[in-house]
Amino acid sequence: MKQFFYDNFLNTIEKHYPRKSDLANALMEILPLEKESVYRRLRKDVYFSAEEVMQIAQAWGISLDNLISANP
């Protein structure tokens, strides 16, 4: 379930910025992270924390309820 949610979350935020470099820059404006830390999260080497997910969702108007309730 965790992997399904995370994949849905990444797919959703990538729709806002299809180019990885633009996405990374936008995420750096929202989160107190450096570029390499953002890229590690986008590559799934490290997961965004729950707080980071909430900050991104709030900033971009993403419904986490919809991501959680989506059927795998």
PDB file of N, CA and C in Angstrom:
ATOM      1  N   MET A   1       0.827  -1.198   0.000  1.00  0.00           N
ATOM      2  CA  MET A   1       0.000   0.000   0.000  1.00  0.00           C
ATOM      3  C   MET A   1       0.866   1.255   0.000  1.00  0.00           C
ATOM      4  N   LYS A   2       1.950   1.234   0.800  1.00  0.00           N
ATOM      5  CA  LYS A   2       2.815   2.402   0.889  1.00  0.00           C
ATOM      6  C   LYS A   2       3.422   2.725  -0.480  1.00  0.00           C
ATOM      7  N   GLN A   3       3.892   1.718  -1.186  1.00  0.00           N
ATOM      8  CA  GLN A   3       4.503   1.932  -2.499  1.00  0.00           C
ATOM      9  C   GLN A   3       3.471   2.462  -3.487  1.00  0.00           C
ATOM     10  N   PHE A   4       2.249   1.931  -3.443  1.00  0.00           N
ATOM     11  CA  PHE A   4       1.180   2.394  -4.322  1.00  0.00           C
ATOM     12  C   PHE A   4       0.894   3.871  -4.082  1.00  0.00           C
ATOM     13  N   PHE A   5       0.763   4.254  -2.810  1.00  0.00           N
ATOM     14  CA  PHE A   5       0.511   5.653  -2.473  1.00  0.00           C
ATOM     15  C   PHE A   5       1.649   6.535  -2.967  1.00  0.00           C
ATOM     16  N   TYR A   6       2.878   6.108  -2.707  1.00  0.00           N
ATOM     17  CA  TYR A   6       4.032   6.932  -3.080  1.00  0.00           C
ATOM     18  C   TYR A   6       4.122   7.091  -4.596  1.00  0.00           C
ATOM     19  N   ASP A   7       3.886   6.018  -5.336  1.00  0.00           N
ATOM     20  CA  ASP A   7       3.899   6.105  -6.802  1.00  0.00           C
ATOM     21  C   ASP A   7       2.809   7.051  -7.292  1.00  0.00           C
ATOM     22  N   ASN A   8       1.609   6.957  -6.718  1.00  0.00           N
ATOM     23  CA  ASN A   8       0.530   7.876  -7.087  1.00  0.00           C
ATOM     24  C   ASN A   8       0.907   9.319  -6.766  1.00  0.00           C
ATOM     25  N   PHE A   9       1.529   9.519  -5.609  1.00  0.00           N
ATOM     26  CA  PHE A   9       1.939  10.862  -5.215  1.00  0.00           C
ATOM     27  C   PHE A   9       2.960  11.424  -6.198  1.00  0.00           C
ATOM     28  N   LEU A  10       3.976  10.637  -6.533  1.00  0.00           N
ATOM     29  CA  LEU A  10       4.992  11.107  -7.479  1.00  0.00           C
ATOM     30  C   LEU A  10       4.383  11.397  -8.852  1.00  0.00           C
ATOM     31  N   ASN A  11       3.507  10.526  -9.320  1.00  0.00           N
ATOM     32  CA  ASN A  11       2.847  10.761 -10.607  1.00  0.00           C
ATOM     33  C   ASN A  11       2.047  12.058 -10.587  1.00  0.00           C
ATOM     34  N   THR A  12       1.398  12.324  -9.474  1.00  0.00           N
ATOM     35  CA  THR A  12       0.590  13.533  -9.350  1.00  0.00           C
ATOM     36  C   THR A  12       1.451  14.785  -9.356  1.00  0.00           C
ATOM     37  N   ILE A  13       2.553  14.787  -8.607  1.00  0.00           N
ATOM     38  CA  ILE A  13       3.372  16.003  -8.582  1.00  0.00           C
ATOM     39  C   ILE A  13       4.130  16.194  -9.896  1.00  0.00           C
ATOM     40  N   GLU A  14       4.440  15.101 -10.583  1.00  0.00           N
ATOM     41  CA  GLU A  14       5.121  15.223 -11.874  1.00  0.00           C
ATOM     42  C   GLU A  14       4.218  15.838 -12.934  1.00  0.00           C
ATOM     43  N   LYS A  15       2.906  15.748 -12.755  1.00  0.00           N
ATOM     44  CA  LYS A  15       1.978  16.401 -13.680  1.00  0.00           C
ATOM     45  C   LYS A  15       2.077  17.918 -13.595  1.00  0.00           C
ATOM     46  N   HIS A  16       2.460  18.430 -12.433  1.00  0.00           N
ATOM     47  CA  HIS A  16       2.612  19.877 -12.263  1.00  0.00           C
ATOM     48  C   HIS A  16       3.839  20.389 -13.011  1.00  0.00           C
ATOM     49  N   TYR A  17       4.886  19.594 -13.027  1.00  0.00           N
ATOM     50  CA  TYR A  17       6.147  19.967 -13.671  1.00  0.00           C
ATOM     51  C   TYR A  17       6.728  18.737 -14.352  1.00  0.00           C
ATOM     52  N   PRO A  18       6.402  18.494 -15.629  1.00  0.00           N
ATOM     53  CA  PRO A  18       6.884  17.291 -16.317  1.00  0.00           C
ATOM     54  C   PRO A  18       8.414  17.173 -16.402  1.00  0.00           C
ATOM     55  N   ARG A  19       9.120  18.310 -16.460  1.00  0.00           N
ATOM     56  CA  ARG A  19      10.589  18.244 -16.489  1.00  0.00           C
ATOM     57  C   ARG A  19      11.114  18.109 -15.069  1.00  0.00           C
ATOM     58  N   LYS A  20      11.977  17.110 -14.853  1.00  0.00           N
ATOM     59  CA  LYS A  20      12.504  16.838 -13.505  1.00  0.00           C
ATOM     60  C   LYS A  20      13.208  18.047 -12.900  1.00  0.00           C
ATOM     61  N   SER A  21      13.952  18.781 -13.714  1.00  0.00           N
ATOM     62  CA  SER A  21      14.679  19.935 -13.175  1.00  0.00           C
ATOM     63  C   SER A  21      13.710  21.009 -12.694  1.00  0.00           C
ATOM     64  N   ASP A  22      12.625  21.235 -13.427  1.00  0.00           N
ATOM     65  CA  ASP A  22      11.622  22.215 -12.996  1.00  0.00           C
ATOM     66  C   ASP A  22      10.922  21.742 -11.726  1.00  0.00           C
ATOM     67  N   LEU A  23      10.616  20.449 -11.676  1.00  0.00           N
ATOM     68  CA  LEU A  23       9.975  19.876 -10.495  1.00  0.00           C
ATOM     69  C   LEU A  23      10.879  20.010  -9.278  1.00  0.00           C
ATOM     70  N   ALA A  24      12.144  19.686  -9.445  1.00  0.00           N
ATOM     71  CA  ALA A  24      13.091  19.788  -8.331  1.00  0.00           C
ATOM     72  C   ALA A  24      13.194  21.222  -7.825  1.00  0.00           C
ATOM     73  N   ASN A  25      13.276  22.169  -8.738  1.00  0.00           N
ATOM     74  CA  ASN A  25      13.355  23.582  -8.332  1.00  0.00           C
ATOM     75  C   ASN A  25      12.101  24.024  -7.598  1.00  0.00           C
ATOM     76  N   ALA A  26      10.930  23.598  -8.082  1.00  0.00           N
ATOM     77  CA  ALA A  26       9.677  23.958  -7.420  1.00  0.00           C
ATOM     78  C   ALA A  26       9.594  23.343  -6.027  1.00  0.00           C
ATOM     79  N   LEU A  27      10.044  22.097  -5.895  1.00  0.00           N
ATOM     80  CA  LEU A  27      10.019  21.452  -4.585  1.00  0.00           C
ATOM     81  C   LEU A  27      10.989  22.108  -3.610  1.00  0.00           C
ATOM     82  N   MET A  28      12.109  22.588  -4.120  1.00  0.00           N
ATOM     83  CA  MET A  28      13.078  23.275  -3.256  1.00  0.00           C
ATOM     84  C   MET A  28      12.500  24.578  -2.707  1.00  0.00           C
ATOM     85  N   GLU A  29      11.561  25.186  -3.436  1.00  0.00           N
ATOM     86  CA  GLU A  29      10.915  26.403  -2.946  1.00  0.00           C
ATOM     87  C   GLU A  29       9.931  26.099  -1.818  1.00  0.00           C
ATOM     88  N   ILE A  30       9.356  24.897  -1.840  1.00  0.00           N
ATOM     89  CA  ILE A  30       8.371  24.507  -0.833  1.00  0.00           C
ATOM     90  C   ILE A  30       9.037  23.908   0.402  1.00  0.00           C
ATOM     91  N   LEU A  31      10.046  23.086   0.173  1.00  0.00           N
ATOM     92  CA  LEU A  31      10.674  22.319   1.254  1.00  0.00           C
ATOM     93  C   LEU A  31      12.066  22.858   1.570  1.00  0.00           C
ATOM     94  N   PRO A  32      12.481  22.729   2.810  1.00  0.00           N
ATOM     95  CA  PRO A  32      13.834  23.168   3.178  1.00  0.00           C
ATOM     96  C   PRO A  32      14.870  22.092   2.829  1.00  0.00           C
ATOM     97  N   LEU A  33      14.946  21.757   1.530  1.00  0.00           N
ATOM     98  CA  LEU A  33      15.867  20.720   1.066  1.00  0.00           C
ATOM     99  C   LEU A  33      16.750  21.259  -0.048  1.00  0.00           C
ATOM    100  N   GLU A  34      17.933  20.669  -0.176  1.00  0.00           N
ATOM    101  CA  GLU A  34      18.810  21.005  -1.282  1.00  0.00           C
ATOM    102  C   GLU A  34      18.458  20.133  -2.474  1.00  0.00           C
ATOM    103  N   LYS A  35      18.966  20.510  -3.639  1.00  0.00           N
ATOM    104  CA  LYS A  35      18.595  19.846  -4.883  1.00  0.00           C
ATOM    105  C   LYS A  35      18.860  18.341  -4.840  1.00  0.00           C
ATOM    106  N   GLU A  36      20.004  17.916  -4.366  1.00  0.00           N
ATOM    107  CA  GLU A  36      20.319  16.486  -4.345  1.00  0.00           C
ATOM    108  C   GLU A  36      19.359  15.721  -3.436  1.00  0.00           C
ATOM    109  N   SER A  37      18.946  16.326  -2.340  1.00  0.00           N
ATOM    110  CA  SER A  37      17.974  15.685  -1.447  1.00  0.00           C
ATOM    111  C   SER A  37      16.631  15.505  -2.140  1.00  0.00           C
ATOM    112  N   VAL A  38      16.233  16.485  -2.926  1.00  0.00           N
ATOM    113  CA  VAL A  38      14.984  16.385  -3.681  1.00  0.00           C
ATOM    114  C   VAL A  38      15.099  15.277  -4.719  1.00  0.00           C
ATOM    115  N   TYR A  39      16.206  15.246  -5.450  1.00  0.00           N
ATOM    116  CA  TYR A  39      16.389  14.218  -6.473  1.00  0.00           C
ATOM    117  C   TYR A  39      16.415  12.811  -5.870  1.00  0.00           C
ATOM    118  N   ARG A  40      16.987  12.655  -4.688  1.00  0.00           N
ATOM    119  CA  ARG A  40      16.974  11.340  -4.032  1.00  0.00           C
ATOM    120  C   ARG A  40      15.548  10.888  -3.766  1.00  0.00           C
ATOM    121  N   ARG A  41      14.700  11.827  -3.406  1.00  0.00           N
ATOM    122  CA  ARG A  41      13.292  11.492  -3.156  1.00  0.00           C
ATOM    123  C   ARG A  41      12.569  11.165  -4.464  1.00  0.00           C
ATOM    124  N   LEU A  42      12.866  11.897  -5.515  1.00  0.00           N
ATOM    125  CA  LEU A  42      12.221  11.637  -6.803  1.00  0.00           C
ATOM    126  C   LEU A  42      12.664  10.298  -7.403  1.00  0.00           C
ATOM    127  N   ARG A  43      13.893   9.881  -7.106  1.00  0.00           N
ATOM    128  CA  ARG A  43      14.396   8.578  -7.576  1.00  0.00           C
ATOM    129  C   ARG A  43      13.956   7.434  -6.674  1.00  0.00           C
ATOM    130  N   LYS A  44      13.312   7.762  -5.573  1.00  0.00           N
ATOM    131  CA  LYS A  44      12.847   6.796  -4.564  1.00  0.00           C
ATOM    132  C   LYS A  44      13.995   6.167  -3.783  1.00  0.00           C
ATOM    133  N   ASP A  45      15.145   6.818  -3.759  1.00  0.00           N
ATOM    134  CA  ASP A  45      16.227   6.370  -2.879  1.00  0.00           C
ATOM    135  C   ASP A  45      15.842   6.643  -1.427  1.00  0.00           C
ATOM    136  N   VAL A  46      15.102   7.736  -1.233  1.00  0.00           N
ATOM    137  CA  VAL A  46      14.593   8.169   0.067  1.00  0.00           C
ATOM    138  C   VAL A  46      13.148   8.585  -0.174  1.00  0.00           C
ATOM    139  N   TYR A  47      12.271   8.310   0.776  1.00  0.00           N
ATOM    140  CA  TYR A  47      10.882   8.738   0.647  1.00  0.00           C
ATOM    141  C   TYR A  47      10.706  10.135   1.235  1.00  0.00           C
ATOM    142  N   PHE A  48       9.760  10.893   0.652  1.00  0.00           N
ATOM    143  CA  PHE A  48       9.352  12.134   1.295  1.00  0.00           C
ATOM    144  C   PHE A  48       8.749  11.754   2.642  1.00  0.00           C
ATOM    145  N   SER A  49       9.002  12.564   3.652  1.00  0.00           N
ATOM    146  CA  SER A  49       8.377  12.320   4.949  1.00  0.00           C
ATOM    147  C   SER A  49       6.897  12.693   4.859  1.00  0.00           C
ATOM    148  N   ALA A  50       6.121  12.260   5.836  1.00  0.00           N
ATOM    149  CA  ALA A  50       4.693  12.595   5.856  1.00  0.00           C
ATOM    150  C   ALA A  50       4.507  14.109   5.891  1.00  0.00           C
ATOM    151  N   GLU A  51       5.328  14.795   6.648  1.00  0.00           N
ATOM    152  CA  GLU A  51       5.244  16.260   6.727  1.00  0.00           C
ATOM    153  C   GLU A  51       5.552  16.899   5.375  1.00  0.00           C
ATOM    154  N   GLU A  52       6.562  16.389   4.678  1.00  0.00           N
ATOM    155  CA  GLU A  52       6.905  16.917   3.356  1.00  0.00           C
ATOM    156  C   GLU A  52       5.775  16.684   2.359  1.00  0.00           C
ATOM    157  N   VAL A  53       5.177  15.498   2.411  1.00  0.00           N
ATOM    158  CA  VAL A  53       4.050  15.195   1.527  1.00  0.00           C
ATOM    159  C   VAL A  53       2.914  16.178   1.805  1.00  0.00           C
ATOM    160  N   MET A  54       2.629  16.425   3.068  1.00  0.00           N
ATOM    161  CA  MET A  54       1.558  17.358   3.420  1.00  0.00           C
ATOM    162  C   MET A  54       1.860  18.769   2.932  1.00  0.00           C
ATOM    163  N   GLN A  55       3.099  19.207   3.068  1.00  0.00           N
ATOM    164  CA  GLN A  55       3.472  20.545   2.612  1.00  0.00           C
ATOM    165  C   GLN A  55       3.302  20.685   1.103  1.00  0.00           C
ATOM    166  N   ILE A  56       3.723  19.684   0.356  1.00  0.00           N
ATOM    167  CA  ILE A  56       3.588  19.709  -1.109  1.00  0.00           C
ATOM    168  C   ILE A  56       2.107  19.693  -1.486  1.00  0.00           C
ATOM    169  N   ALA A  57       1.348  18.806  -0.869  1.00  0.00           N
ATOM    170  CA  ALA A  57      -0.081  18.686  -1.172  1.00  0.00           C
ATOM    171  C   ALA A  57      -0.808  19.998  -0.890  1.00  0.00           C
ATOM    172  N   GLN A  58      -0.484  20.608   0.214  1.00  0.00           N
ATOM    173  CA  GLN A  58      -1.129  21.877   0.564  1.00  0.00           C
ATOM    174  C   GLN A  58      -0.747  22.979  -0.426  1.00  0.00           C
ATOM    175  N   ALA A  59       0.517  23.047  -0.782  1.00  0.00           N
ATOM    176  CA  ALA A  59       0.989  24.102  -1.690  1.00  0.00           C
ATOM    177  C   ALA A  59       0.388  23.959  -3.086  1.00  0.00           C
ATOM    178  N   TRP A  60       0.162  22.727  -3.538  1.00  0.00           N
ATOM    179  CA  TRP A  60      -0.306  22.489  -4.906  1.00  0.00           C
ATOM    180  C   TRP A  60      -1.746  22.018  -4.976  1.00  0.00           C
ATOM    181  N   GLY A  61      -2.456  22.038  -3.859  1.00  0.00           N
ATOM    182  CA  GLY A  61      -3.862  21.673  -3.856  1.00  0.00           C
ATOM    183  C   GLY A  61      -4.121  20.222  -4.231  1.00  0.00           C
ATOM    184  N   ILE A  62      -3.267  19.326  -3.764  1.00  0.00           N
ATOM    185  CA  ILE A  62      -3.405  17.899  -4.056  1.00  0.00           C
ATOM    186  C   ILE A  62      -4.214  17.246  -2.941  1.00  0.00           C
ATOM    187  N   SER A  63      -5.216  16.472  -3.313  1.00  0.00           N
ATOM    188  CA  SER A  63      -6.038  15.767  -2.339  1.00  0.00           C
ATOM    189  C   SER A  63      -5.367  14.441  -1.972  1.00  0.00           C
ATOM    190  N   LEU A  64      -4.869  14.360  -0.767  1.00  0.00           N
ATOM    191  CA  LEU A  64      -4.253  13.111  -0.311  1.00  0.00           C
ATOM    192  C   LEU A  64      -5.314  12.036  -0.114  1.00  0.00           C
ATOM    193  N   ASP A  65      -6.533  12.433   0.221  1.00  0.00           N
ATOM    194  CA  ASP A  65      -7.622  11.464   0.354  1.00  0.00           C
ATOM    195  C   ASP A  65      -7.822  10.703  -0.949  1.00  0.00           C
ATOM    196  N   ASN A  66      -7.777  11.420  -2.072  1.00  0.00           N
ATOM    197  CA  ASN A  66      -7.954  10.761  -3.364  1.00  0.00           C
ATOM    198  C   ASN A  66      -6.811   9.788  -3.664  1.00  0.00           C
ATOM    199  N   LEU A  67      -5.605  10.154  -3.275  1.00  0.00           N
ATOM    200  CA  LEU A  67      -4.464   9.272  -3.523  1.00  0.00           C
ATOM    201  C   LEU A  67      -4.536   8.009  -2.668  1.00  0.00           C
ATOM    202  N   ILE A  68      -5.008   8.170  -1.456  1.00  0.00           N
ATOM    203  CA  ILE A  68      -5.075   7.033  -0.535  1.00  0.00           C
ATOM    204  C   ILE A  68      -6.218   6.098  -0.924  1.00  0.00           C
ATOM    205  N   SER A  69      -7.335   6.675  -1.328  1.00  0.00           N
ATOM    206  CA  SER A  69      -8.505   5.840  -1.614  1.00  0.00           C
ATOM    207  C   SER A  69      -8.533   5.265  -3.009  1.00  0.00           C
ATOM    208  N   ALA A  70      -7.567   5.643  -3.858  1.00  0.00           N
ATOM    209  CA  ALA A  70      -7.521   5.092  -5.224  1.00  0.00           C
ATOM    210  C   ALA A  70      -7.247   3.595  -5.157  1.00  0.00           C
ATOM    211  N   ASN A  71      -7.861   2.856  -6.038  1.00  0.00           N
ATOM    212  CA  ASN A  71      -7.677   1.397  -6.058  1.00  0.00           C
ATOM    213  C   ASN A  71      -6.394   1.040  -6.812  1.00  0.00           C
ATOM    214  N   PRO A  72      -5.557   0.147  -6.229  1.00  0.00           N
ATOM    215  CA  PRO A  72      -4.327  -0.262  -6.923  1.00  0.00           C
ATOM    216  C   PRO A  72      -4.615  -1.113  -8.144  1.00  0.00           C
TER     217      PRO A  72
END
